[in-house]
C-alpha atoms as a PDB file:
ATOM      1  CA  MET A   1     -72.864 -33.083-131.339  1.00  0.00           C
ATOM      2  CA  ASP A   2     -73.715 -29.414-131.114  1.00  0.00           C
ATOM      3  CA  LEU A   3     -73.303 -27.272-128.020  1.00  0.00           C
ATOM      4  CA  SER A   4     -76.965 -27.243-127.001  1.00  0.00           C
ATOM      5  CA  ALA A   5     -77.089 -31.052-126.983  1.00  0.00           C
ATOM      6  CA  ILE A   6     -73.959 -31.193-124.820  1.00  0.00           C
ATOM      7  CA  ARG A   7     -75.478 -28.726-122.346  1.00  0.00           C
ATOM      8  CA  CYS A   8     -78.679 -30.742-122.226  1.00  0.00           C
ATOM      9  CA  GLN A   9     -76.800 -33.967-121.505  1.00  0.00           C
ATOM     10  CA  ALA A  10     -74.514 -32.341-118.912  1.00  0.00           C
ATOM     11  CA  SER A  11     -77.398 -30.743-117.045  1.00  0.00           C
ATOM     12  CA  ARG A  12     -78.830 -34.183-116.367  1.00  0.00           C
ATOM     13  CA  TYR A  13     -75.747 -35.167-114.396  1.00  0.00           C
ATOM     14  CA  VAL A  14     -74.449 -31.895-112.949  1.00  0.00           C
ATOM     15  CA  ASP A  15     -76.759 -29.826-110.788  1.00  0.00           C
ATOM     16  CA  PRO A  16     -75.909 -26.186-111.489  1.00  0.00           C
ATOM     17  CA  PHE A  17     -77.410 -24.925-108.236  1.00  0.00           C
ATOM     18  CA  PRO A  18     -76.735 -27.470-105.463  1.00  0.00           C
ATOM     19  CA  LEU A  19     -76.497 -24.856-102.715  1.00  0.00           C
ATOM     20  CA  LEU A  20     -79.797 -23.300-103.737  1.00  0.00           C
ATOM     21  CA  ASP A  21     -81.474 -26.704-103.706  1.00  0.00           C
ATOM     22  CA  LEU A  22     -80.096 -27.419-100.233  1.00  0.00           C
ATOM     23  CA  THR A  23     -81.239 -24.036 -98.942  1.00  0.00           C
ATOM     24  CA  LEU A  24     -84.738 -24.555-100.278  1.00  0.00           C
ATOM     25  CA  TYR A  25     -84.858 -28.052 -98.774  1.00  0.00           C
ATOM     26  CA  VAL A  26     -83.862 -26.785 -95.334  1.00  0.00           C
ATOM     27  CA  ALA A  27     -86.326 -23.904 -95.559  1.00  0.00           C
ATOM     28  CA  ARG A  28     -89.185 -26.346 -96.248  1.00  0.00           C
ATOM     29  CA  GLN A  29     -88.452 -28.514 -93.195  1.00  0.00           C
ATOM     30  CA  ALA A  30     -90.335 -28.166 -89.941  1.00  0.00           C
ATOM     31  CA  PRO A  31     -88.358 -26.658 -87.038  1.00  0.00           C
ATOM     32  CA  ALA A  32     -88.977 -29.765 -84.920  1.00  0.00           C
ATOM     33  CA  GLU A  33     -87.482 -31.990 -87.605  1.00  0.00           C
ATOM     34  CA  LEU A  34     -84.438 -29.750 -87.922  1.00  0.00           C
ATOM     35  CA  THR A  35     -83.975 -29.867 -84.154  1.00  0.00           C
ATOM     36  CA  VAL A  36     -84.076 -33.666 -84.136  1.00  0.00           C
ATOM     37  CA  GLN A  37     -81.610 -33.849 -87.025  1.00  0.00           C
ATOM     38  CA  ALA A  38     -79.261 -31.388 -85.313  1.00  0.00           C
ATOM     39  CA  PHE A  39     -79.337 -33.438 -82.143  1.00  0.00           C
ATOM     40  CA  PHE A  40     -78.702 -36.807 -83.751  1.00  0.00           C
ATOM     41  CA  GLN A  41     -76.201 -35.652 -86.370  1.00  0.00           C
ATOM     42  CA  ASP A  42     -74.207 -33.060 -84.441  1.00  0.00           C
ATOM     43  CA  ILE A  43     -74.645 -33.046 -80.707  1.00  0.00           C
ATOM     44  CA  ARG A  44     -74.869 -36.794 -80.115  1.00  0.00           C
ATOM     45  CA  VAL A  45     -71.922 -37.544 -82.413  1.00  0.00           C
ATOM     46  CA  THR A  46     -69.804 -34.923 -80.636  1.00  0.00           C
ATOM     47  CA  ILE A  47     -70.622 -36.327 -77.203  1.00  0.00           C
ATOM     48  CA  VAL A  48     -69.820 -39.894 -78.297  1.00  0.00           C
ATOM     49  CA  ALA A  49     -66.566 -38.764 -79.941  1.00  0.00           C
ATOM     50  CA  LEU A  50     -65.429 -36.909 -76.812  1.00  0.00           C
ATOM     51  CA  ALA A  51     -66.305 -39.891 -74.614  1.00  0.00           C
ATOM     52  CA  LEU A  52     -64.371 -42.275 -76.870  1.00  0.00           C
ATOM     53  CA  TYR A  53     -61.411 -39.884 -77.007  1.00  0.00           C
ATOM     54  CA  GLY A  54     -61.349 -39.733 -73.196  1.00  0.00           C
ATOM     55  CA  TYR A  55     -61.435 -43.525 -73.033  1.00  0.00           C
ATOM     56  CA  GLU A  56     -58.640 -43.729 -75.607  1.00  0.00           C
ATOM     57  CA  VAL A  57     -56.375 -41.357 -73.685  1.00  0.00           C
ATOM     58  CA  ALA A  58     -57.121 -43.165 -70.419  1.00  0.00           C
ATOM     59  CA  SER A  59     -56.278 -46.572 -71.851  1.00  0.00           C
ATOM     60  CA  LEU A  60     -53.375 -45.730 -74.189  1.00  0.00           C
ATOM     61  CA  GLY A  61     -51.873 -42.743 -72.417  1.00  0.00           C
ATOM     62  CA  VAL A  62     -51.226 -39.313 -73.861  1.00  0.00           C
ATOM     63  CA  SER A  63     -48.541 -40.343 -76.373  1.00  0.00           C
ATOM     64  CA  GLY A  64     -50.550 -43.342 -77.569  1.00  0.00           C
ATOM     65  CA  GLY A  65     -53.617 -41.175 -78.014  1.00  0.00           C
ATOM     66  CA  ALA A  66     -51.640 -38.661 -80.045  1.00  0.00           C
ATOM     67  CA  SER A  67     -50.230 -41.368 -82.301  1.00  0.00           C
ATOM     68  CA  LEU A  68     -53.694 -42.823 -82.843  1.00  0.00           C
ATOM     69  CA  GLU A  69     -54.987 -39.371 -83.849  1.00  0.00           C
ATOM     70  CA  ALA A  70     -52.217 -39.144 -86.447  1.00  0.00           C
ATOM     71  CA  LEU A  71     -53.216 -42.550 -87.818  1.00  0.00           C
ATOM     72  CA  VAL A  72     -56.862 -41.470 -88.054  1.00  0.00           C
ATOM     73  CA  LEU A  73     -55.876 -38.374 -90.036  1.00  0.00           C
ATOM     74  CA  ALA A  74     -53.682 -40.455 -92.345  1.00  0.00           C
ATOM     75  CA  ALA A  75     -56.529 -42.944 -92.902  1.00  0.00           C
ATOM     76  CA  ALA A  76     -58.905 -40.093 -93.703  1.00  0.00           C
ATOM     77  CA  LEU A  77     -56.465 -38.730 -96.275  1.00  0.00           C
ATOM     78  CA  THR A  78     -56.213 -42.114 -97.955  1.00  0.00           C
ATOM     79  CA  LEU A  79     -60.001 -42.226 -98.253  1.00  0.00           C
ATOM     80  CA  ILE A  80     -60.008 -38.849 -99.998  1.00  0.00           C
ATOM     81  CA  LEU A  81     -57.293 -39.782-102.466  1.00  0.00           C
END
């Protein structure tokens, strides 16, 4: 297979400009839609996470909450690997 055929096949699977595509996608969205997405994906998730963390510390105590945080980080690392 020559080099041009390899490039053609690879370009089907690997997007050479993913950041540019994302930037253009965000630029095409309406400001109201971006606001709704920011609320549901960032602000609401942060509020729920802080509320659950407060409940965890209240029910398990400070040392139990710290050990559970370490387990969450270890579980996240196993998902990556």
